[in-house]
N, C-alpha and C. Protein backbone atom coordinates (compact mmCIF):
# COMPACT_ATOMS: atom_id res chain seq x y z
N MET A 1 101.32 156.15 146.17
CA MET A 1 101.23 157.20 147.25
C MET A 1 102.28 158.43 146.95
N GLU A 2 103.48 157.85 146.40
CA GLU A 2 104.30 158.91 145.73
C GLU A 2 103.89 159.93 144.96
N ARG A 3 103.25 159.33 143.73
CA ARG A 3 102.92 159.94 142.69
C ARG A 3 101.84 160.55 142.91
N LEU A 4 100.84 160.46 143.65
CA LEU A 4 99.57 161.23 144.24
C LEU A 4 100.32 162.47 144.87
N LEU A 5 101.16 162.23 145.51
CA LEU A 5 101.89 163.48 146.47
C LEU A 5 102.64 164.25 145.63
N GLU A 6 103.12 163.80 144.52
CA GLU A 6 104.02 164.59 143.45
C GLU A 6 102.94 165.40 142.43
N LEU A 7 102.07 164.82 142.22
CA LEU A 7 100.90 165.53 141.19
C LEU A 7 100.29 166.59 142.07
N ASN A 8 99.89 166.28 143.57
CA ASN A 8 99.18 167.24 144.22
C ASN A 8 100.27 168.63 144.17
N HIS A 9 101.71 168.17 144.85
CA HIS A 9 102.41 169.24 144.93
C HIS A 9 102.84 169.94 143.77
N ALA A 10 102.58 169.45 142.57
CA ALA A 10 103.02 170.35 141.42
C ALA A 10 101.65 171.14 141.06
N ALA A 11 100.51 170.71 141.67
CA ALA A 11 99.47 171.48 141.50
C ALA A 11 99.09 172.81 142.34
N VAL A 12 100.13 172.82 143.56
CA VAL A 12 100.01 174.03 144.50
C VAL A 12 100.04 175.37 143.69
N PRO A 13 99.81 176.37 143.63
CA PRO A 13 98.65 176.88 144.80
C PRO A 13 96.83 176.30 144.41
N ALA A 14 97.18 175.87 143.36
CA ALA A 14 95.44 175.65 142.99
C ALA A 14 94.85 174.71 143.91
N VAL A 15 95.54 173.66 144.52
CA VAL A 15 95.23 173.06 145.83
C VAL A 15 96.46 172.87 146.73
N ASN A 16 95.88 172.80 148.04
CA ASN A 16 96.45 172.90 148.98
C ASN A 16 97.58 171.93 148.98
N ASP A 17 98.86 172.15 149.39
CA ASP A 17 99.73 171.18 149.48
C ASP A 17 99.85 170.25 150.97
N ILE A 18 99.90 169.05 150.85
CA ILE A 18 99.75 168.01 151.81
C ILE A 18 100.78 166.98 152.25
N GLY A 19 101.10 166.70 153.06
CA GLY A 19 101.79 165.63 153.08
C GLY A 19 101.21 163.79 153.10
N ALA A 20 102.00 162.99 153.23
CA ALA A 20 101.53 161.72 153.12
C ALA A 20 100.62 161.37 154.21
N ASP A 21 100.66 161.75 155.42
CA ASP A 21 99.96 161.38 156.51
C ASP A 21 98.55 161.87 156.29
N GLU A 22 98.51 163.45 155.54
CA GLU A 22 97.18 163.91 155.88
C GLU A 22 96.33 163.38 154.22
N LEU A 23 97.42 163.07 153.02
CA LEU A 23 96.57 162.34 152.25
C LEU A 23 96.12 160.97 152.46
N ARG A 24 96.75 160.07 153.13
CA ARG A 24 96.38 158.90 153.61
C ARG A 24 95.06 159.02 154.33
N THR A 25 95.02 160.02 155.02
CA THR A 25 93.74 160.49 155.86
C THR A 25 92.66 160.80 154.88
N LEU A 26 92.68 161.63 153.84
CA LEU A 26 91.85 162.15 153.04
C LEU A 26 91.22 160.82 152.00
N LEU A 27 92.31 159.90 151.81
CA LEU A 27 91.84 158.60 151.07
C LEU A 27 90.90 157.89 151.65
N GLY A 28 91.03 157.78 153.01
CA GLY A 28 90.35 156.94 153.52
C GLY A 28 88.84 157.60 153.62
N GLN A 29 88.63 158.91 153.80
CA GLN A 29 87.53 159.64 154.21
C GLN A 29 86.71 159.59 152.82
N SER A 30 87.47 159.70 151.60
CA SER A 30 86.50 160.07 150.38
C SER A 30 85.80 158.99 149.95
N ARG A 31 85.04 159.41 149.34
CA ARG A 31 83.57 158.46 148.67
C ARG A 31 84.28 158.17 147.32
N VAL A 32 84.87 159.17 146.81
CA VAL A 32 85.36 158.70 145.67
C VAL A 32 86.92 159.42 145.60
N ALA A 33 87.79 158.27 145.36
CA ALA A 33 89.00 158.34 145.17
C ALA A 33 89.79 157.74 143.84
N VAL A 34 89.43 158.55 142.81
CA VAL A 34 89.76 157.90 141.30
C VAL A 34 90.94 158.56 140.42
N GLY A 35 91.53 157.49 139.73
CA GLY A 35 92.66 158.05 138.95
C GLY A 35 92.73 157.76 137.57
N VAL A 36 93.52 158.39 136.80
CA VAL A 36 93.07 158.27 135.29
C VAL A 36 94.54 157.64 134.95
N THR A 37 94.68 156.46 134.32
CA THR A 37 96.25 156.42 134.19
C THR A 37 96.20 156.35 132.32
N ASP A 38 97.45 156.26 131.85
CA ASP A 38 97.89 156.48 130.45
C ASP A 38 97.80 154.84 130.32
N ALA A 39 96.79 154.53 129.37
CA ALA A 39 96.47 153.04 128.94
C ALA A 39 97.71 152.66 128.15
N HIS A 40 98.94 153.71 127.65
CA HIS A 40 99.82 153.02 126.59
C HIS A 40 101.31 152.91 127.97
N ALA A 41 100.90 153.37 128.94
CA ALA A 41 102.18 153.37 129.76
C ALA A 41 102.01 151.89 130.50
N ASP A 42 103.41 151.67 131.12
CA ASP A 42 103.35 150.60 131.90
C ASP A 42 102.59 151.05 133.66
N PRO A 43 101.69 150.25 133.71
CA PRO A 43 100.74 150.72 134.83
C PRO A 43 101.62 150.75 136.10
N ALA A 44 102.82 149.84 136.18
CA ALA A 44 103.50 150.31 137.40
C ALA A 44 104.35 150.98 137.42
N HIS A 45 104.75 151.78 136.16
CA HIS A 45 105.57 153.24 136.22
C HIS A 45 104.76 154.46 137.14
N PRO A 46 105.16 155.01 137.68
CA PRO A 46 104.77 156.28 138.29
C PRO A 46 104.17 157.02 137.51
N GLU A 47 104.73 157.48 136.37
CA GLU A 47 104.02 158.42 135.23
C GLU A 47 103.16 158.03 134.60
N ALA A 48 102.40 156.61 134.83
CA ALA A 48 101.20 156.45 134.30
C ALA A 48 100.15 156.99 134.66
N LEU A 49 100.15 157.55 136.20
CA LEU A 49 98.99 157.86 136.79
C LEU A 49 98.92 159.60 136.24
N LEU A 50 97.93 160.07 135.34
CA LEU A 50 97.81 161.43 134.74
C LEU A 50 97.01 162.13 135.46
N GLY A 51 96.26 161.81 136.77
CA GLY A 51 95.41 162.59 137.41
C GLY A 51 94.43 161.81 138.53
N PHE A 52 93.94 162.81 139.39
CA PHE A 52 93.14 161.91 140.23
C PHE A 52 92.14 163.12 140.75
N VAL A 53 91.22 162.40 141.54
CA VAL A 53 90.23 163.38 142.13
C VAL A 53 89.96 162.52 143.41
N LEU A 54 89.62 163.55 144.69
CA LEU A 54 89.20 162.93 146.01
C LEU A 54 87.92 163.92 146.30
N ALA A 55 86.92 163.21 146.81
CA ALA A 55 85.75 163.63 146.83
C ALA A 55 84.83 163.31 148.32
N LEU A 56 84.56 163.89 148.92
CA LEU A 56 84.26 163.58 150.32
C LEU A 56 82.60 163.74 150.70
N PRO A 57 82.03 162.59 151.34
CA PRO A 57 80.66 162.68 151.61
C PRO A 57 80.26 163.88 152.86
N PRO A 58 79.09 164.09 152.82
CA PRO A 58 78.74 164.92 154.18
C PRO A 58 79.27 163.82 155.35
N GLY A 59 79.33 164.75 156.69
CA GLY A 59 79.57 164.23 157.69
C GLY A 59 81.07 163.76 158.14
N ALA A 60 81.99 164.10 157.16
CA ALA A 60 83.24 163.57 157.23
C ALA A 60 83.91 164.45 158.50
N ASP A 61 85.08 164.09 159.01
CA ASP A 61 85.68 164.75 160.07
C ASP A 61 86.90 165.37 159.39
N TYR A 62 86.41 166.47 158.83
CA TYR A 62 87.46 167.26 158.10
C TYR A 62 87.61 168.83 158.33
N ALA A 63 88.66 169.17 158.56
CA ALA A 63 88.73 170.34 159.20
C ALA A 63 88.84 171.62 158.06
N SER A 64 88.58 171.29 156.93
CA SER A 64 88.87 172.32 155.86
C SER A 64 87.74 173.47 155.91
N GLU A 65 87.77 174.62 155.62
CA GLU A 65 86.99 175.75 155.98
C GLU A 65 86.07 175.68 154.62
N ASN A 66 86.38 175.19 153.65
CA ASN A 66 85.36 175.21 152.38
C ASN A 66 84.52 173.87 152.54
N TYR A 67 84.95 172.40 153.13
CA TYR A 67 84.06 171.70 153.33
C TYR A 67 83.08 172.12 154.57
N ARG A 68 83.51 172.74 155.55
CA ARG A 68 82.66 173.32 156.57
C ARG A 68 81.54 174.08 155.97
N TRP A 69 81.82 174.98 155.00
CA TRP A 69 81.23 176.09 154.36
C TRP A 69 79.81 175.30 153.73
N PHE A 70 80.41 174.14 152.97
CA PHE A 70 79.27 173.23 152.36
C PHE A 70 78.42 172.64 153.30
N SER A 71 78.98 172.14 154.34
CA SER A 71 78.34 171.08 155.34
C SER A 71 77.22 172.04 156.04
N GLN A 72 77.31 173.28 156.45
CA GLN A 72 76.67 173.98 156.70
C GLN A 72 75.33 174.60 156.01
N ARG A 73 75.39 174.38 154.39
CA ARG A 73 74.42 174.42 153.73
C ARG A 73 73.58 173.42 153.66
N GLY A 74 74.02 172.14 153.92
CA GLY A 74 73.04 170.88 153.74
C GLY A 74 73.85 169.55 154.14
N ASP A 75 73.15 168.51 153.87
CA ASP A 75 73.86 167.41 153.90
C ASP A 75 73.68 166.36 152.89
N ARG A 76 73.33 166.75 151.72
CA ARG A 76 72.74 166.03 150.55
C ARG A 76 73.98 166.44 149.34
N PHE A 77 75.26 166.34 149.48
CA PHE A 77 76.37 166.80 148.57
C PHE A 77 77.39 165.91 148.43
N LEU A 78 78.21 166.09 147.48
CA LEU A 78 79.58 165.30 147.36
C LEU A 78 80.64 166.47 146.88
N TYR A 79 81.41 166.31 148.10
CA TYR A 79 82.60 167.57 148.09
C TYR A 79 83.82 167.22 147.33
N VAL A 80 84.09 167.76 146.19
CA VAL A 80 85.50 167.61 145.80
C VAL A 80 86.20 168.29 146.49
N ASP A 81 87.14 167.82 147.07
CA ASP A 81 88.36 168.06 148.05
C ASP A 81 89.59 168.65 146.86
N ARG A 82 89.79 167.90 145.93
CA ARG A 82 90.88 168.07 145.11
C ARG A 82 90.73 167.37 143.70
N ILE A 83 90.87 168.10 142.86
CA ILE A 83 91.12 167.41 141.18
C ILE A 83 92.62 167.83 140.76
N VAL A 84 93.22 167.07 140.06
CA VAL A 84 94.52 167.20 139.58
C VAL A 84 94.74 166.65 138.83
N VAL A 85 95.18 167.28 137.48
CA VAL A 85 95.68 166.66 136.12
C VAL A 85 97.23 166.99 135.85
N ALA A 86 97.83 166.25 135.53
CA ALA A 86 99.46 166.66 135.38
C ALA A 86 99.76 167.33 134.41
N ASP A 87 100.72 168.23 134.89
CA ASP A 87 100.98 169.18 133.68
C ASP A 87 101.19 168.40 132.45
N GLY A 88 100.75 169.33 131.22
CA GLY A 88 100.95 168.80 130.21
C GLY A 88 99.89 167.92 129.46
N ARG A 89 98.72 167.53 130.48
CA ARG A 89 97.95 166.57 130.11
C ARG A 89 96.58 167.29 130.30
N ARG A 90 96.57 168.35 130.80
CA ARG A 90 95.37 169.29 130.43
C ARG A 90 94.99 169.47 129.33
N GLY A 91 93.34 169.70 129.52
CA GLY A 91 92.92 169.65 128.07
C GLY A 91 92.74 168.46 127.17
N ALA A 92 93.03 167.49 127.73
CA ALA A 92 92.73 166.13 127.01
C ALA A 92 91.54 165.27 127.43
N GLY A 93 90.95 166.17 128.51
CA GLY A 93 89.39 165.15 128.82
C GLY A 93 89.74 164.31 130.09
N ILE A 94 90.83 164.57 130.58
CA ILE A 94 90.91 163.87 131.89
C ILE A 94 89.95 164.41 133.03
N GLY A 95 89.96 165.70 133.17
CA GLY A 95 89.34 166.16 134.19
C GLY A 95 87.80 165.76 134.27
N GLN A 96 87.45 165.79 132.88
CA GLN A 96 85.62 165.19 132.52
C GLN A 96 85.77 163.79 133.13
N LEU A 97 86.61 163.03 132.64
CA LEU A 97 86.79 161.90 133.02
C LEU A 97 86.37 161.57 134.59
N LEU A 98 87.53 162.24 135.34
CA LEU A 98 87.32 162.46 136.92
C LEU A 98 85.87 162.97 137.36
N TYR A 99 85.50 163.95 136.97
CA TYR A 99 84.26 164.37 137.24
C TYR A 99 83.13 163.52 136.98
N ASP A 100 83.22 162.55 135.64
CA ASP A 100 82.30 161.48 135.50
C ASP A 100 81.93 160.77 136.62
N ALA A 101 83.15 160.22 137.22
CA ALA A 101 83.03 159.43 138.28
C ALA A 101 82.63 160.12 139.71
N VAL A 102 82.66 161.27 139.98
CA VAL A 102 82.20 162.14 140.94
C VAL A 102 80.94 162.24 140.63
N PHE A 103 80.10 162.60 139.36
CA PHE A 103 78.88 162.47 139.36
C PHE A 103 77.95 161.41 139.09
N GLU A 104 78.78 160.25 138.89
CA GLU A 104 78.14 159.16 138.99
C GLU A 104 77.59 158.60 140.73
N ALA A 105 79.16 158.93 141.26
CA ALA A 105 78.57 158.51 142.63
C ALA A 105 77.72 159.25 143.42
N ALA A 106 77.89 160.75 143.06
CA ALA A 106 76.84 161.45 143.66
C ALA A 106 75.53 161.11 143.50
N ALA A 107 74.86 160.85 142.26
CA ALA A 107 73.99 160.42 141.59
C ALA A 107 73.34 158.71 142.33
N ALA A 108 74.34 157.97 142.55
CA ALA A 108 74.32 156.71 143.21
C ALA A 108 73.65 156.94 144.77
N ASP A 109 74.33 157.77 145.26
CA ASP A 109 74.30 158.16 146.70
C ASP A 109 72.91 158.92 147.07
N GLY A 110 72.14 159.56 146.07
CA GLY A 110 71.10 160.50 146.41
C GLY A 110 71.64 162.05 146.58
N ALA A 111 72.70 162.24 146.36
CA ALA A 111 73.41 163.98 146.58
C ALA A 111 72.22 164.43 145.57
N THR A 112 71.86 165.81 146.12
CA THR A 112 71.49 166.48 145.10
C THR A 112 72.87 167.70 144.42
N GLU A 113 73.84 167.94 144.96
CA GLU A 113 74.61 168.67 144.46
C GLU A 113 76.10 168.18 144.37
N VAL A 114 76.99 168.45 143.70
CA VAL A 114 78.33 168.16 143.98
C VAL A 114 79.08 169.40 144.06
N ASP A 115 79.94 169.83 144.97
CA ASP A 115 80.53 171.09 145.51
C ASP A 115 82.09 171.15 145.22
N CYS A 116 82.58 172.31 145.03
CA CYS A 116 83.85 172.41 145.00
C CYS A 116 84.51 173.97 145.49
N GLU A 117 85.62 174.17 145.38
CA GLU A 117 85.75 175.61 145.25
C GLU A 117 87.25 175.66 144.44
N VAL A 118 87.32 176.84 143.74
CA VAL A 118 88.31 177.13 142.97
C VAL A 118 88.87 178.58 143.36
N ASN A 119 90.31 178.87 143.20
CA ASN A 119 90.99 179.97 143.96
C ASN A 119 90.45 181.22 142.91
N VAL A 120 90.38 182.20 143.36
CA VAL A 120 90.03 183.51 142.68
C VAL A 120 91.40 184.52 143.12
N GLU A 121 91.90 184.35 144.21
CA GLU A 121 93.19 184.96 144.80
C GLU A 121 93.96 183.87 145.37
N PRO A 122 95.18 182.99 144.91
CA PRO A 122 95.61 183.48 143.44
C PRO A 122 94.86 183.12 142.55
N PRO A 123 94.72 183.89 141.48
CA PRO A 123 93.71 183.54 140.40
C PRO A 123 94.01 182.11 139.77
N ASN A 124 92.79 181.31 139.28
CA ASN A 124 93.14 180.15 138.48
C ASN A 124 91.95 180.13 137.47
N PRO A 125 92.30 180.91 136.37
CA PRO A 125 90.85 181.15 135.81
C PRO A 125 90.87 179.70 134.60
N GLY A 126 91.70 179.04 134.24
CA GLY A 126 91.44 177.91 133.84
C GLY A 126 90.79 177.06 134.25
N SER A 127 90.83 176.76 135.87
CA SER A 127 90.00 176.01 136.54
C SER A 127 88.28 176.74 136.52
N LEU A 128 88.26 177.88 136.41
CA LEU A 128 86.97 178.61 136.57
C LEU A 128 86.30 178.17 135.24
N VAL A 129 86.72 178.11 134.08
CA VAL A 129 86.26 178.08 132.75
C VAL A 129 85.76 176.50 132.93
N PHE A 130 86.91 175.58 133.12
CA PHE A 130 86.54 174.21 133.16
C PHE A 130 85.25 173.91 134.00
N HIS A 131 85.10 174.45 135.17
CA HIS A 131 84.01 174.29 136.00
C HIS A 131 82.58 174.70 135.58
N GLY A 132 82.97 175.83 134.81
CA GLY A 132 81.79 176.47 134.25
C GLY A 132 81.01 175.84 133.21
N ARG A 133 82.22 175.04 132.38
CA ARG A 133 81.69 174.22 131.17
C ARG A 133 81.10 173.26 131.91
N LEU A 134 81.34 172.57 132.71
CA LEU A 134 80.68 171.35 133.52
C LEU A 134 79.30 171.77 134.26
N GLY A 135 78.88 172.93 134.34
CA GLY A 135 77.56 173.46 134.78
C GLY A 135 77.67 174.05 135.96
N PHE A 136 78.85 174.26 136.63
CA PHE A 136 79.16 174.68 138.02
C PHE A 136 78.91 176.18 137.96
N VAL A 137 78.16 176.61 139.25
CA VAL A 137 77.84 177.98 139.54
C VAL A 137 78.37 178.40 140.71
N GLU A 138 78.60 179.81 140.89
CA GLU A 138 79.12 180.05 141.99
C GLU A 138 77.98 180.36 143.25
N VAL A 139 78.07 179.77 144.05
CA VAL A 139 77.42 179.97 145.21
C VAL A 139 77.60 180.97 146.74
N GLY A 140 78.76 181.23 146.33
CA GLY A 140 79.67 182.17 147.77
C GLY A 140 80.81 182.36 147.34
N ARG A 141 81.42 183.06 148.28
CA ARG A 141 83.13 183.37 148.26
C ARG A 141 83.38 183.42 149.91
N GLN A 142 84.77 183.19 149.95
CA GLN A 142 85.15 183.02 151.13
C GLN A 142 86.51 183.35 151.21
N ALA A 143 87.34 184.07 152.21
CA ALA A 143 88.61 184.23 152.26
C ALA A 143 89.04 182.95 153.47
N THR A 144 90.54 182.37 152.82
CA THR A 144 90.74 181.17 153.72
C THR A 144 92.28 181.46 154.27
N LYS A 145 92.73 180.49 154.81
CA LYS A 145 94.07 180.43 155.30
C LYS A 145 94.77 181.85 155.66
N GLY A 146 93.80 182.01 156.57
CA GLY A 146 93.94 183.61 157.02
C GLY A 146 94.02 184.88 156.18
N GLY A 147 93.02 184.45 155.21
CA GLY A 147 93.09 185.66 154.28
C GLY A 147 93.98 185.88 153.04
N SER A 148 94.88 184.60 153.00
CA SER A 148 95.88 184.59 152.10
C SER A 148 95.37 184.15 150.65
N VAL A 149 94.15 183.33 150.78
CA VAL A 149 93.55 182.81 149.64
C VAL A 149 92.09 183.08 149.88
N VAL A 150 91.48 183.51 148.49
CA VAL A 150 89.99 183.57 148.52
C VAL A 150 89.27 183.03 147.30
N VAL A 151 88.63 182.37 147.60
CA VAL A 151 87.85 180.98 146.61
C VAL A 151 86.38 181.49 146.25
N ALA A 152 86.18 180.86 145.18
CA ALA A 152 84.75 180.93 144.76
C ALA A 152 84.15 179.45 145.08
N LEU A 153 83.04 179.44 145.61
CA LEU A 153 82.57 178.17 146.06
C LEU A 153 81.49 177.91 145.21
N LEU A 154 81.58 176.77 144.58
CA LEU A 154 80.66 176.55 143.29
C LEU A 154 79.98 175.07 143.57
N ALA A 155 78.83 175.02 142.96
CA ALA A 155 78.06 173.98 142.98
C ALA A 155 77.24 173.69 141.89
N ARG A 156 77.04 172.52 141.70
CA ARG A 156 76.30 172.05 140.59
C ARG A 156 75.30 170.99 140.54
N PRO A 157 74.03 171.08 140.16
CA PRO A 157 73.32 169.68 140.60
C PRO A 157 73.97 168.36 140.42
N ALA A 158 73.57 167.60 140.92
CA ALA A 158 74.36 166.14 140.92
C ALA A 158 74.06 165.30 139.62
N ALA A 159 72.73 165.69 139.26
CA ALA A 159 72.28 165.00 138.11
C ALA A 159 71.90 166.34 136.96
N ILE A 160 72.53 166.51 136.04
CA ILE A 160 71.58 167.29 135.00
C ILE A 160 70.74 166.43 133.98
N GLY A 161 69.64 166.98 133.85
CA GLY A 161 68.94 165.85 132.79
C GLY A 161 68.60 166.77 131.80
């Protein structure tokens, strides 16, 4: 749990900062809670965890403005609440591995799309490029957190064939 919180905190503002209780709740609600570890590191060492993804199914009791936005569009989605890759490890394929688990779960559940959001204010251009490479397209925008953050709401078909 400590390493998850550490990685999450280091990724702010690309993801919102949360405490241990909220993270435990998210883990419990997630359809996908997957981490990638360094195969050459001692698995007991916290630094072995290089990244993680949490994705929620429809119908979760989750107050996220972005999750609610996608919930209003339909109920056949898998929502990526957060994907985090450790500093110095981006560009090594970890994000793709994490999303592979999400796409696999979405297909297994009969979801029609995978949804997420990426900050445009404050800007997160690297994440926008990454998600674009995976086939995500912008389906909306909204201001969140009292207008302090603007996000691009992204969707991609669960299966691309």
